[in-house]
Amino acid sequence: MVSPQLRVLVVDDDAGIRDMLALVLGEAGHRVRTSDGRGPVDAADVDVALVDVLLGSRTVSDVMIETPGLAEVPLIVMTAHDAVGSVAGGLPRNAHLLRKPFDLADLERAIDEVVAESAAG
């Protein structure tokens, strides 16, 4: 079961995925903010972030560099691609990889894991 009432940031350039995640996570009781990743991302007061690996011509690494504090947030990196090595170097060690397509149980499990690891220090 997903940790209750988290502040979740969803960054994905696909509006359908972004909206679906916002709906599902909102219905689960979380406060959700979204971004398409094209401009600055507000990571203030976020408990967990879900960020797509590729955001058009940008990558999750670009977002990490441009967003102060995002490296301190439990991070789930979403991807439909097998080759993520080119962006993995810019990610925190505690980042979790979630392969698309995923189901709700996979998402809940990933969120629970990153939040638990972050709380454990």
PDB file of N, CA and C in Angstrom:
ATOM      1  N   MET A   1       0.843  -1.195   0.000  1.00  0.00           N
ATOM      2  CA  MET A   1       0.000   0.000   0.000  1.00  0.00           C
ATOM      3  C   MET A   1       0.876   1.242   0.000  1.00  0.00           C
ATOM      4  N   VAL A   2       0.509   2.235  -0.765  1.00  0.00           N
ATOM      5  CA  VAL A   2       1.296   3.448  -0.889  1.00  0.00           C
ATOM      6  C   VAL A   2       1.228   4.240   0.415  1.00  0.00           C
ATOM      7  N   SER A   3       2.369   4.797   0.789  1.00  0.00           N
ATOM      8  CA  SER A   3       2.434   5.642   1.973  1.00  0.00           C
ATOM      9  C   SER A   3       1.388   6.747   1.872  1.00  0.00           C
ATOM     10  N   PRO A   4       0.698   7.051   2.971  1.00  0.00           N
ATOM     11  CA  PRO A   4      -0.427   7.994   2.920  1.00  0.00           C
ATOM     12  C   PRO A   4       0.000   9.447   2.737  1.00  0.00           C
ATOM     13  N   GLN A   5      -0.771  10.175   1.984  1.00  0.00           N
ATOM     14  CA  GLN A   5      -0.704  11.624   1.825  1.00  0.00           C
ATOM     15  C   GLN A   5       0.696  12.163   1.577  1.00  0.00           C
ATOM     16  N   LEU A   6       1.302  11.701   0.524  1.00  0.00           N
ATOM     17  CA  LEU A   6       2.610  12.207   0.124  1.00  0.00           C
ATOM     18  C   LEU A   6       2.446  13.390  -0.813  1.00  0.00           C
ATOM     19  N   ARG A   7       3.468  14.225  -0.856  1.00  0.00           N
ATOM     20  CA  ARG A   7       3.537  15.307  -1.839  1.00  0.00           C
ATOM     21  C   ARG A   7       4.395  14.770  -2.976  1.00  0.00           C
ATOM     22  N   VAL A   8       3.740  14.529  -4.119  1.00  0.00           N
ATOM     23  CA  VAL A   8       4.375  13.842  -5.241  1.00  0.00           C
ATOM     24  C   VAL A   8       4.554  14.810  -6.406  1.00  0.00           C
ATOM     25  N   LEU A   9       5.755  14.778  -6.990  1.00  0.00           N
ATOM     26  CA  LEU A   9       6.041  15.533  -8.197  1.00  0.00           C
ATOM     27  C   LEU A   9       6.143  14.547  -9.350  1.00  0.00           C
ATOM     28  N   VAL A  10       5.374  14.771 -10.419  1.00  0.00           N
ATOM     29  CA  VAL A  10       5.408  13.931 -11.612  1.00  0.00           C
ATOM     30  C   VAL A  10       5.941  14.775 -12.765  1.00  0.00           C
ATOM     31  N   VAL A  11       7.055  14.321 -13.363  1.00  0.00           N
ATOM     32  CA  VAL A  11       7.653  15.032 -14.499  1.00  0.00           C
ATOM     33  C   VAL A  11       7.694  14.070 -15.677  1.00  0.00           C
ATOM     34  N   ASP A  12       6.880  14.365 -16.689  1.00  0.00           N
ATOM     35  CA  ASP A  12       6.825  13.538 -17.891  1.00  0.00           C
ATOM     36  C   ASP A  12       6.371  14.417 -19.042  1.00  0.00           C
ATOM     37  N   ASP A  13       7.000  14.267 -20.204  1.00  0.00           N
ATOM     38  CA  ASP A  13       6.616  15.082 -21.353  1.00  0.00           C
ATOM     39  C   ASP A  13       5.364  14.565 -22.054  1.00  0.00           C
ATOM     40  N   ASP A  14       4.921  13.364 -21.702  1.00  0.00           N
ATOM     41  CA  ASP A  14       3.704  12.788 -22.268  1.00  0.00           C
ATOM     42  C   ASP A  14       2.521  13.193 -21.380  1.00  0.00           C
ATOM     43  N   ALA A  15       1.675  14.075 -21.902  1.00  0.00           N
ATOM     44  CA  ALA A  15       0.554  14.600 -21.128  1.00  0.00           C
ATOM     45  C   ALA A  15      -0.379  13.490 -20.642  1.00  0.00           C
ATOM     46  N   GLY A  16      -0.575  12.457 -21.450  1.00  0.00           N
ATOM     47  CA  GLY A  16      -1.449  11.353 -21.050  1.00  0.00           C
ATOM     48  C   GLY A  16      -0.924  10.618 -19.829  1.00  0.00           C
ATOM     49  N   ILE A  17       0.362  10.327 -19.827  1.00  0.00           N
ATOM     50  CA  ILE A  17       0.969   9.646 -18.673  1.00  0.00           C
ATOM     51  C   ILE A  17       0.950  10.558 -17.459  1.00  0.00           C
ATOM     52  N   ARG A  18       1.312  11.823 -17.660  1.00  0.00           N
ATOM     53  CA  ARG A  18       1.322  12.794 -16.570  1.00  0.00           C
ATOM     54  C   ARG A  18      -0.064  12.902 -15.931  1.00  0.00           C
ATOM     55  N   ASP A  19      -1.092  13.045 -16.759  1.00  0.00           N
ATOM     56  CA  ASP A  19      -2.456  13.187 -16.248  1.00  0.00           C
ATOM     57  C   ASP A  19      -2.941  11.914 -15.562  1.00  0.00           C
ATOM     58  N   MET A  20      -2.613  10.756 -16.131  1.00  0.00           N
ATOM     59  CA  MET A  20      -3.012   9.483 -15.535  1.00  0.00           C
ATOM     60  C   MET A  20      -2.373   9.309 -14.164  1.00  0.00           C
ATOM     61  N   LEU A  21      -1.078   9.604 -14.059  1.00  0.00           N
ATOM     62  CA  LEU A  21      -0.399   9.479 -12.768  1.00  0.00           C
ATOM     63  C   LEU A  21      -0.963  10.465 -11.748  1.00  0.00           C
ATOM     64  N   ALA A  22      -1.232  11.688 -12.183  1.00  0.00           N
ATOM     65  CA  ALA A  22      -1.825  12.677 -11.278  1.00  0.00           C
ATOM     66  C   ALA A  22      -3.188  12.219 -10.785  1.00  0.00           C
ATOM     67  N   LEU A  23      -3.994  11.653 -11.663  1.00  0.00           N
ATOM     68  CA  LEU A  23      -5.318  11.165 -11.287  1.00  0.00           C
ATOM     69  C   LEU A  23      -5.226  10.002 -10.299  1.00  0.00           C
ATOM     70  N   VAL A  24      -4.425   9.005 -10.636  1.00  0.00           N
ATOM     71  CA  VAL A  24      -4.303   7.812  -9.790  1.00  0.00           C
ATOM     72  C   VAL A  24      -3.725   8.168  -8.421  1.00  0.00           C
ATOM     73  N   LEU A  25      -2.670   8.963  -8.422  1.00  0.00           N
ATOM     74  CA  LEU A  25      -2.046   9.328  -7.146  1.00  0.00           C
ATOM     75  C   LEU A  25      -2.942  10.266  -6.345  1.00  0.00           C
ATOM     76  N   GLY A  26      -3.656  11.164  -7.016  1.00  0.00           N
ATOM     77  CA  GLY A  26      -4.597  12.045  -6.330  1.00  0.00           C
ATOM     78  C   GLY A  26      -5.734  11.270  -5.697  1.00  0.00           C
ATOM     79  N   GLU A  27      -6.255  10.273  -6.422  1.00  0.00           N
ATOM     80  CA  GLU A  27      -7.328   9.444  -5.874  1.00  0.00           C
ATOM     81  C   GLU A  27      -6.850   8.621  -4.675  1.00  0.00           C
ATOM     82  N   ALA A  28      -5.544   8.359  -4.622  1.00  0.00           N
ATOM     83  CA  ALA A  28      -4.982   7.626  -3.485  1.00  0.00           C
ATOM     84  C   ALA A  28      -4.727   8.549  -2.291  1.00  0.00           C
ATOM     85  N   GLY A  29      -5.040   9.832  -2.440  1.00  0.00           N
ATOM     86  CA  GLY A  29      -4.930  10.763  -1.328  1.00  0.00           C
ATOM     87  C   GLY A  29      -3.672  11.614  -1.318  1.00  0.00           C
ATOM     88  N   HIS A  30      -2.885  11.551  -2.371  1.00  0.00           N
ATOM     89  CA  HIS A  30      -1.644  12.321  -2.413  1.00  0.00           C
ATOM     90  C   HIS A  30      -1.876  13.686  -3.036  1.00  0.00           C
ATOM     91  N   ARG A  31      -1.013  14.627  -2.681  1.00  0.00           N
ATOM     92  CA  ARG A  31      -1.021  15.943  -3.303  1.00  0.00           C
ATOM     93  C   ARG A  31      -0.011  15.884  -4.438  1.00  0.00           C
ATOM     94  N   VAL A  32      -0.471  16.108  -5.657  1.00  0.00           N
ATOM     95  CA  VAL A  32       0.358  15.891  -6.838  1.00  0.00           C
ATOM     96  C   VAL A  32       0.574  17.201  -7.591  1.00  0.00           C
ATOM     97  N   ARG A  33       1.835  17.440  -7.941  1.00  0.00           N
ATOM     98  CA  ARG A  33       2.195  18.524  -8.856  1.00  0.00           C
ATOM     99  C   ARG A  33       2.787  17.876 -10.090  1.00  0.00           C
ATOM    100  N   THR A  34       2.562  18.503 -11.234  1.00  0.00           N
ATOM    101  CA  THR A  34       3.086  17.932 -12.476  1.00  0.00           C
ATOM    102  C   THR A  34       3.905  18.967 -13.240  1.00  0.00           C
ATOM    103  N   SER A  35       4.766  18.451 -14.101  1.00  0.00           N
ATOM    104  CA  SER A  35       5.565  19.282 -14.991  1.00  0.00           C
ATOM    105  C   SER A  35       5.856  18.491 -16.256  1.00  0.00           C
ATOM    106  N   ASP A  36       5.978  19.196 -17.366  1.00  0.00           N
ATOM    107  CA  ASP A  36       6.355  18.528 -18.612  1.00  0.00           C
ATOM    108  C   ASP A  36       7.880  18.449 -18.752  1.00  0.00           C
ATOM    109  N   GLY A  37       8.615  19.049 -17.831  1.00  0.00           N
ATOM    110  CA  GLY A  37      10.068  18.978 -17.835  1.00  0.00           C
ATOM    111  C   GLY A  37      10.741  19.910 -18.816  1.00  0.00           C
ATOM    112  N   ARG A  38       9.975  20.752 -19.481  1.00  0.00           N
ATOM    113  CA  ARG A  38      10.560  21.659 -20.483  1.00  0.00           C
ATOM    114  C   ARG A  38      11.228  22.873 -19.855  1.00  0.00           C
ATOM    115  N   GLY A  39      10.749  23.271 -18.702  1.00  0.00           N
ATOM    116  CA  GLY A  39      11.306  24.442 -18.033  1.00  0.00           C
ATOM    117  C   GLY A  39      11.708  24.081 -16.618  1.00  0.00           C
ATOM    118  N   PRO A  40      11.934  25.092 -15.810  1.00  0.00           N
ATOM    119  CA  PRO A  40      12.305  24.839 -14.423  1.00  0.00           C
ATOM    120  C   PRO A  40      11.225  24.018 -13.707  1.00  0.00           C
ATOM    121  N   VAL A  41      11.670  23.113 -12.858  1.00  0.00           N
ATOM    122  CA  VAL A  41      10.767  22.249 -12.097  1.00  0.00           C
ATOM    123  C   VAL A  41      10.829  22.678 -10.641  1.00  0.00           C
ATOM    124  N   ASP A  42       9.681  22.831 -10.020  1.00  0.00           N
ATOM    125  CA  ASP A  42       9.617  23.210  -8.616  1.00  0.00           C
ATOM    126  C   ASP A  42       9.612  21.948  -7.764  1.00  0.00           C
ATOM    127  N   ALA A  43      10.722  21.682  -7.074  1.00  0.00           N
ATOM    128  CA  ALA A  43      10.835  20.486  -6.240  1.00  0.00           C
ATOM    129  C   ALA A  43      10.709  20.812  -4.755  1.00  0.00           C
ATOM    130  N   ALA A  44      10.311  22.041  -4.431  1.00  0.00           N
ATOM    131  CA  ALA A  44      10.150  22.424  -3.030  1.00  0.00           C
ATOM    132  C   ALA A  44       8.994  21.652  -2.398  1.00  0.00           C
ATOM    133  N   ASP A  45       9.193  21.226  -1.178  1.00  0.00           N
ATOM    134  CA  ASP A  45       8.148  20.528  -0.414  1.00  0.00           C
ATOM    135  C   ASP A  45       7.621  19.297  -1.135  1.00  0.00           C
ATOM    136  N   VAL A  46       8.520  18.473  -1.647  1.00  0.00           N
ATOM    137  CA  VAL A  46       8.156  17.232  -2.334  1.00  0.00           C
ATOM    138  C   VAL A  46       8.669  16.056  -1.519  1.00  0.00           C
ATOM    139  N   ASP A  47       7.813  15.037  -1.350  1.00  0.00           N
ATOM    140  CA  ASP A  47       8.208  13.825  -0.629  1.00  0.00           C
ATOM    141  C   ASP A  47       8.809  12.781  -1.547  1.00  0.00           C
ATOM    142  N   VAL A  48       8.367  12.742  -2.795  1.00  0.00           N
ATOM    143  CA  VAL A  48       8.859  11.781  -3.785  1.00  0.00           C
ATOM    144  C   VAL A  48       8.635  12.360  -5.180  1.00  0.00           C
ATOM    145  N   ALA A  49       9.592  12.079  -6.084  1.00  0.00           N
ATOM    146  CA  ALA A  49       9.468  12.562  -7.459  1.00  0.00           C
ATOM    147  C   ALA A  49       9.499  11.389  -8.421  1.00  0.00           C
ATOM    148  N   LEU A  50       8.610  11.433  -9.407  1.00  0.00           N
ATOM    149  CA  LEU A  50       8.587  10.462 -10.504  1.00  0.00           C
ATOM    150  C   LEU A  50       8.978  11.237 -11.749  1.00  0.00           C
ATOM    151  N   VAL A  51      10.115  10.880 -12.351  1.00  0.00           N
ATOM    152  CA  VAL A  51      10.627  11.637 -13.492  1.00  0.00           C
ATOM    153  C   VAL A  51      10.926  10.675 -14.636  1.00  0.00           C
ATOM    154  N   ASP A  52      10.425  11.013 -15.825  1.00  0.00           N
ATOM    155  CA  ASP A  52      10.707  10.217 -17.013  1.00  0.00           C
ATOM    156  C   ASP A  52      12.165  10.405 -17.403  1.00  0.00           C
ATOM    157  N   VAL A  53      12.794   9.365 -17.934  1.00  0.00           N
ATOM    158  CA  VAL A  53      14.197   9.436 -18.355  1.00  0.00           C
ATOM    159  C   VAL A  53      14.366  10.416 -19.502  1.00  0.00           C
ATOM    160  N   LEU A  54      13.513  10.310 -20.515  1.00  0.00           N
ATOM    161  CA  LEU A  54      13.607  11.185 -21.678  1.00  0.00           C
ATOM    162  C   LEU A  54      12.419  12.127 -21.710  1.00  0.00           C
ATOM    163  N   LEU A  55      12.735  13.420 -21.795  1.00  0.00           N
ATOM    164  CA  LEU A  55      11.719  14.464 -21.802  1.00  0.00           C
ATOM    165  C   LEU A  55      11.897  15.289 -23.075  1.00  0.00           C
ATOM    166  N   GLY A  56      11.471  14.726 -24.193  1.00  0.00           N
ATOM    167  CA  GLY A  56      11.721  15.381 -25.478  1.00  0.00           C
ATOM    168  C   GLY A  56      13.205  15.334 -25.775  1.00  0.00           C
ATOM    169  N   SER A  57      13.810  16.506 -25.938  1.00  0.00           N
ATOM    170  CA  SER A  57      15.248  16.569 -26.208  1.00  0.00           C
ATOM    171  C   SER A  57      16.061  16.633 -24.926  1.00  0.00           C
ATOM    172  N   ARG A  58      15.400  16.589 -23.805  1.00  0.00           N
ATOM    173  CA  ARG A  58      16.072  16.668 -22.491  1.00  0.00           C
ATOM    174  C   ARG A  58      16.032  15.312 -21.803  1.00  0.00           C
ATOM    175  N   THR A  59      16.823  15.196 -20.756  1.00  0.00           N
ATOM    176  CA  THR A  59      16.849  13.960 -19.975  1.00  0.00           C
ATOM    177  C   THR A  59      16.610  14.266 -18.509  1.00  0.00           C
ATOM    178  N   VAL A  60      16.394  13.224 -17.745  1.00  0.00           N
ATOM    179  CA  VAL A  60      16.246  13.378 -16.304  1.00  0.00           C
ATOM    180  C   VAL A  60      17.495  14.023 -15.715  1.00  0.00           C
ATOM    181  N   SER A  61      18.669  13.744 -16.274  1.00  0.00           N
ATOM    182  CA  SER A  61      19.911  14.365 -15.785  1.00  0.00           C
ATOM    183  C   SER A  61      19.871  15.880 -15.943  1.00  0.00           C
ATOM    184  N   ASP A  62      19.319  16.360 -17.070  1.00  0.00           N
ATOM    185  CA  ASP A  62      19.177  17.811 -17.270  1.00  0.00           C
ATOM    186  C   ASP A  62      18.291  18.414 -16.184  1.00  0.00           C
ATOM    187  N   VAL A  63      17.182  17.752 -15.900  1.00  0.00           N
ATOM    188  CA  VAL A  63      16.252  18.232 -14.876  1.00  0.00           C
ATOM    189  C   VAL A  63      16.935  18.235 -13.509  1.00  0.00           C
ATOM    190  N   MET A  64      17.711  17.182 -13.222  1.00  0.00           N
ATOM    191  CA  MET A  64      18.405  17.099 -11.933  1.00  0.00           C
ATOM    192  C   MET A  64      19.389  18.267 -11.771  1.00  0.00           C
ATOM    193  N   ILE A  65      20.129  18.598 -12.834  1.00  0.00           N
ATOM    194  CA  ILE A  65      21.113  19.674 -12.783  1.00  0.00           C
ATOM    195  C   ILE A  65      20.429  21.025 -12.568  1.00  0.00           C
ATOM    196  N   GLU A  66      19.280  21.224 -13.214  1.00  0.00           N
ATOM    197  CA  GLU A  66      18.598  22.517 -13.195  1.00  0.00           C
ATOM    198  C   GLU A  66      17.658  22.709 -12.010  1.00  0.00           C
ATOM    199  N   THR A  67      17.435  21.661 -11.223  1.00  0.00           N
ATOM    200  CA  THR A  67      16.442  21.743 -10.159  1.00  0.00           C
ATOM    201  C   THR A  67      17.102  21.587  -8.800  1.00  0.00           C
ATOM    202  N   PRO A  68      17.341  22.703  -8.116  1.00  0.00           N
ATOM    203  CA  PRO A  68      17.944  22.623  -6.792  1.00  0.00           C
ATOM    204  C   PRO A  68      17.081  21.779  -5.852  1.00  0.00           C
ATOM    205  N   GLY A  69      17.730  20.908  -5.123  1.00  0.00           N
ATOM    206  CA  GLY A  69      17.026  20.104  -4.133  1.00  0.00           C
ATOM    207  C   GLY A  69      16.453  18.801  -4.639  1.00  0.00           C
ATOM    208  N   LEU A  70      16.353  18.616  -5.947  1.00  0.00           N
ATOM    209  CA  LEU A  70      15.744  17.386  -6.458  1.00  0.00           C
ATOM    210  C   LEU A  70      16.585  16.161  -6.111  1.00  0.00           C
ATOM    211  N   ALA A  71      17.890  16.314  -6.040  1.00  0.00           N
ATOM    212  CA  ALA A  71      18.757  15.190  -5.687  1.00  0.00           C
ATOM    213  C   ALA A  71      18.536  14.730  -4.254  1.00  0.00           C
ATOM    214  N   GLU A  72      17.907  15.570  -3.435  1.00  0.00           N
ATOM    215  CA  GLU A  72      17.642  15.223  -2.043  1.00  0.00           C
ATOM    216  C   GLU A  72      16.302  14.519  -1.869  1.00  0.00           C
ATOM    217  N   VAL A  73      15.510  14.471  -2.920  1.00  0.00           N
ATOM    218  CA  VAL A  73      14.163  13.896  -2.868  1.00  0.00           C
ATOM    219  C   VAL A  73      14.217  12.441  -3.316  1.00  0.00           C
ATOM    220  N   PRO A  74      13.501  11.539  -2.638  1.00  0.00           N
ATOM    221  CA  PRO A  74      13.409  10.172  -3.151  1.00  0.00           C
ATOM    222  C   PRO A  74      12.926  10.207  -4.602  1.00  0.00           C
ATOM    223  N   LEU A  75      13.664   9.508  -5.477  1.00  0.00           N
ATOM    224  CA  LEU A  75      13.452   9.651  -6.905  1.00  0.00           C
ATOM    225  C   LEU A  75      13.136   8.312  -7.561  1.00  0.00           C
ATOM    226  N   ILE A  76      12.077   8.311  -8.366  1.00  0.00           N
ATOM    227  CA  ILE A  76      11.732   7.160  -9.198  1.00  0.00           C
ATOM    228  C   ILE A  76      11.872   7.627 -10.644  1.00  0.00           C
ATOM    229  N   VAL A  77      12.747   6.967 -11.384  1.00  0.00           N
ATOM    230  CA  VAL A  77      12.990   7.303 -12.777  1.00  0.00           C
ATOM    231  C   VAL A  77      12.200   6.322 -13.634  1.00  0.00           C
ATOM    232  N   MET A  78      11.320   6.860 -14.464  1.00  0.00           N
ATOM    233  CA  MET A  78      10.468   6.032 -15.313  1.00  0.00           C
ATOM    234  C   MET A  78      11.062   5.970 -16.713  1.00  0.00           C
ATOM    235  N   THR A  79      11.014   4.787 -17.323  1.00  0.00           N
ATOM    236  CA  THR A  79      11.526   4.658 -18.686  1.00  0.00           C
ATOM    237  C   THR A  79      10.869   3.512 -19.425  1.00  0.00           C
ATOM    238  N   ALA A  80      10.724   3.709 -20.718  1.00  0.00           N
ATOM    239  CA  ALA A  80      10.275   2.635 -21.606  1.00  0.00           C
ATOM    240  C   ALA A  80      11.460   2.114 -22.403  1.00  0.00           C
ATOM    241  N   HIS A  81      12.636   2.689 -22.163  1.00  0.00           N
ATOM    242  CA  HIS A  81      13.834   2.358 -22.933  1.00  0.00           C
ATOM    243  C   HIS A  81      14.733   1.405 -22.152  1.00  0.00           C
ATOM    244  N   ASP A  82      15.419   0.542 -22.870  1.00  0.00           N
ATOM    245  CA  ASP A  82      16.349  -0.383 -22.236  1.00  0.00           C
ATOM    246  C   ASP A  82      17.688   0.273 -21.925  1.00  0.00           C
ATOM    247  N   ALA A  83      18.105   1.200 -22.748  1.00  0.00           N
ATOM    248  CA  ALA A  83      19.421   1.820 -22.580  1.00  0.00           C
ATOM    249  C   ALA A  83      19.284   3.117 -21.789  1.00  0.00           C
ATOM    250  N   VAL A  84      19.520   3.041 -20.505  1.00  0.00           N
ATOM    251  CA  VAL A  84      19.465   4.237 -19.666  1.00  0.00           C
ATOM    252  C   VAL A  84      20.848   4.619 -19.166  1.00  0.00           C
ATOM    253  N   GLY A  85      21.868   3.925 -19.609  1.00  0.00           N
ATOM    254  CA  GLY A  85      23.223   4.170 -19.145  1.00  0.00           C
ATOM    255  C   GLY A  85      23.714   5.581 -19.389  1.00  0.00           C
ATOM    256  N   SER A  86      23.287   6.204 -20.478  1.00  0.00           N
ATOM    257  CA  SER A  86      23.769   7.539 -20.793  1.00  0.00           C
ATOM    258  C   SER A  86      23.281   8.592 -19.809  1.00  0.00           C
ATOM    259  N   VAL A  87      22.181   8.340 -19.134  1.00  0.00           N
ATOM    260  CA  VAL A  87      21.684   9.310 -18.148  1.00  0.00           C
ATOM    261  C   VAL A  87      21.925   8.852 -16.725  1.00  0.00           C
ATOM    262  N   ALA A  88      22.237   7.594 -16.524  1.00  0.00           N
ATOM    263  CA  ALA A  88      22.379   7.055 -15.170  1.00  0.00           C
ATOM    264  C   ALA A  88      23.511   7.711 -14.396  1.00  0.00           C
ATOM    265  N   GLY A  89      24.537   8.187 -15.085  1.00  0.00           N
ATOM    266  CA  GLY A  89      25.656   8.812 -14.408  1.00  0.00           C
ATOM    267  C   GLY A  89      25.283  10.065 -13.649  1.00  0.00           C
ATOM    268  N   GLY A  90      24.237  10.765 -14.063  1.00  0.00           N
ATOM    269  CA  GLY A  90      23.828  11.989 -13.394  1.00  0.00           C
ATOM    270  C   GLY A  90      22.764  11.801 -12.344  1.00  0.00           C
ATOM    271  N   LEU A  91      22.440  10.557 -12.025  1.00  0.00           N
ATOM    272  CA  LEU A  91      21.371  10.282 -11.068  1.00  0.00           C
ATOM    273  C   LEU A  91      21.936   9.939  -9.697  1.00  0.00           C
ATOM    274  N   PRO A  92      21.188  10.278  -8.650  1.00  0.00           N
ATOM    275  CA  PRO A  92      21.626   9.869  -7.309  1.00  0.00           C
ATOM    276  C   PRO A  92      21.639   8.352  -7.191  1.00  0.00           C
ATOM    277  N   ARG A  93      22.468   7.846  -6.315  1.00  0.00           N
ATOM    278  CA  ARG A  93      22.574   6.393  -6.125  1.00  0.00           C
ATOM    279  C   ARG A  93      21.263   5.769  -5.677  1.00  0.00           C
ATOM    280  N   ASN A  94      20.450   6.522  -4.945  1.00  0.00           N
ATOM    281  CA  ASN A  94      19.214   5.969  -4.404  1.00  0.00           C
ATOM    282  C   ASN A  94      18.034   6.060  -5.374  1.00  0.00           C
ATOM    283  N   ALA A  95      18.275   6.473  -6.604  1.00  0.00           N
ATOM    284  CA  ALA A  95      17.193   6.549  -7.591  1.00  0.00           C
ATOM    285  C   ALA A  95      16.739   5.145  -7.970  1.00  0.00           C
ATOM    286  N   HIS A  96      15.431   4.968  -8.043  1.00  0.00           N
ATOM    287  CA  HIS A  96      14.849   3.692  -8.450  1.00  0.00           C
ATOM    288  C   HIS A  96      14.396   3.779  -9.897  1.00  0.00           C
ATOM    289  N   LEU A  97      14.538   2.686 -10.601  1.00  0.00           N
ATOM    290  CA  LEU A  97      14.117   2.623 -11.994  1.00  0.00           C
ATOM    291  C   LEU A  97      12.778   1.890 -12.082  1.00  0.00           C
ATOM    292  N   LEU A  98      11.813   2.494 -12.753  1.00  0.00           N
ATOM    293  CA  LEU A  98      10.502   1.891 -12.957  1.00  0.00           C
ATOM    294  C   LEU A  98      10.264   1.815 -14.461  1.00  0.00           C
ATOM    295  N   ARG A  99      10.197   0.607 -14.973  1.00  0.00           N
ATOM    296  CA  ARG A  99      10.045   0.404 -16.423  1.00  0.00           C
ATOM    297  C   ARG A  99       8.587   0.542 -16.845  1.00  0.00           C
ATOM    298  N   LYS A 100       8.388   1.312 -17.925  1.00  0.00           N
ATOM    299  CA  LYS A 100       7.066   1.453 -18.537  1.00  0.00           C
ATOM    300  C   LYS A 100       6.890   0.308 -19.529  1.00  0.00           C
ATOM    301  N   PRO A 101       5.720  -0.214 -19.699  1.00  0.00           N
ATOM    302  CA  PRO A 101       4.521   0.118 -18.926  1.00  0.00           C
ATOM    303  C   PRO A 101       4.573  -0.557 -17.563  1.00  0.00           C
ATOM    304  N   PHE A 102       4.004   0.101 -16.588  1.00  0.00           N
ATOM    305  CA  PHE A 102       3.933  -0.465 -15.243  1.00  0.00           C
ATOM    306  C   PHE A 102       2.487  -0.413 -14.790  1.00  0.00           C
ATOM    307  N   ASP A 103       2.177  -1.261 -13.824  1.00  0.00           N
ATOM    308  CA  ASP A 103       0.811  -1.236 -13.293  1.00  0.00           C
ATOM    309  C   ASP A 103       0.816  -0.528 -11.949  1.00  0.00           C
ATOM    310  N   LEU A 104      -0.350  -0.324 -11.401  1.00  0.00           N
ATOM    311  CA  LEU A 104      -0.498   0.414 -10.151  1.00  0.00           C
ATOM    312  C   LEU A 104       0.273  -0.248  -9.017  1.00  0.00           C
ATOM    313  N   ALA A 105       0.286  -1.568  -8.973  1.00  0.00           N
ATOM    314  CA  ALA A 105       1.018  -2.272  -7.918  1.00  0.00           C
ATOM    315  C   ALA A 105       2.517  -1.987  -8.012  1.00  0.00           C
ATOM    316  N   ASP A 106       3.068  -1.952  -9.231  1.00  0.00           N
ATOM    317  CA  ASP A 106       4.484  -1.618  -9.416  1.00  0.00           C
ATOM    318  C   ASP A 106       4.772  -0.206  -8.925  1.00  0.00           C
ATOM    319  N   LEU A 107       3.897   0.734  -9.257  1.00  0.00           N
ATOM    320  CA  LEU A 107       4.064   2.116  -8.839  1.00  0.00           C
ATOM    321  C   LEU A 107       4.010   2.233  -7.321  1.00  0.00           C
ATOM    322  N   GLU A 108       3.006   1.604  -6.707  1.00  0.00           N
ATOM    323  CA  GLU A 108       2.881   1.645  -5.248  1.00  0.00           C
ATOM    324  C   GLU A 108       4.117   1.065  -4.568  1.00  0.00           C
ATOM    325  N   ARG A 109       4.597  -0.051  -5.082  1.00  0.00           N
ATOM    326  CA  ARG A 109       5.773  -0.706  -4.512  1.00  0.00           C
ATOM    327  C   ARG A 109       7.005   0.200  -4.620  1.00  0.00           C
ATOM    328  N   ALA A 110       7.195   0.813  -5.778  1.00  0.00           N
ATOM    329  CA  ALA A 110       8.345   1.698  -5.980  1.00  0.00           C
ATOM    330  C   ALA A 110       8.290   2.903  -5.035  1.00  0.00           C
ATOM    331  N   ILE A 111       7.116   3.504  -4.902  1.00  0.00           N
ATOM    332  CA  ILE A 111       6.968   4.646  -3.999  1.00  0.00           C
ATOM    333  C   ILE A 111       7.252   4.229  -2.562  1.00  0.00           C
ATOM    334  N   ASP A 112       6.677   3.117  -2.132  1.00  0.00           N
ATOM    335  CA  ASP A 112       6.912   2.644  -0.769  1.00  0.00           C
ATOM    336  C   ASP A 112       8.397   2.398  -0.513  1.00  0.00           C
ATOM    337  N   GLU A 113       9.079   1.804  -1.492  1.00  0.00           N
ATOM    338  CA  GLU A 113      10.506   1.491  -1.329  1.00  0.00           C
ATOM    339  C   GLU A 113      11.352   2.760  -1.201  1.00  0.00           C
ATOM    340  N   VAL A 114      11.154   3.728  -2.088  1.00  0.00           N
ATOM    341  CA  VAL A 114      11.998   4.924  -2.025  1.00  0.00           C
ATOM    342  C   VAL A 114      11.712   5.758  -0.786  1.00  0.00           C
ATOM    343  N   VAL A 115      10.448   5.805  -0.382  1.00  0.00           N
ATOM    344  CA  VAL A 115      10.097   6.572   0.809  1.00  0.00           C
ATOM    345  C   VAL A 115      10.669   5.893   2.049  1.00  0.00           C
ATOM    346  N   ALA A 116      10.575   4.561   2.130  1.00  0.00           N
ATOM    347  CA  ALA A 116      11.119   3.821   3.264  1.00  0.00           C
ATOM    348  C   ALA A 116      12.627   3.969   3.347  1.00  0.00           C
ATOM    349  N   GLU A 117      13.311   3.855   2.198  1.00  0.00           N
ATOM    350  CA  GLU A 117      14.768   4.004   2.177  1.00  0.00           C
ATOM    351  C   GLU A 117      15.180   5.398   2.613  1.00  0.00           C
ATOM    352  N   SER A 118      14.428   6.404   2.175  1.00  0.00           N
ATOM    353  CA  SER A 118      14.742   7.778   2.548  1.00  0.00           C
ATOM    354  C   SER A 118      14.549   7.994   4.041  1.00  0.00           C
ATOM    355  N   ALA A 119      13.485   7.425   4.588  1.00  0.00           N
ATOM    356  CA  ALA A 119      13.204   7.573   6.022  1.00  0.00           C
ATOM    357  C   ALA A 119      14.257   6.847   6.871  1.00  0.00           C
ATOM    358  N   ALA A 120      14.785   5.738   6.345  1.00  0.00           N
ATOM    359  CA  ALA A 120      15.784   4.956   7.085  1.00  0.00           C
ATOM    360  C   ALA A 120      17.128   5.670   7.095  1.00  0.00           C
ATOM    361  N   GLY A 121      17.312   6.603   6.157  1.00  0.00           N
ATOM    362  CA  GLY A 121      18.534   7.397   6.119  1.00  0.00           C
ATOM    363  C   GLY A 121      19.597   6.735   5.384  1.00  0.00           C
TER     364      GLY A 121
END
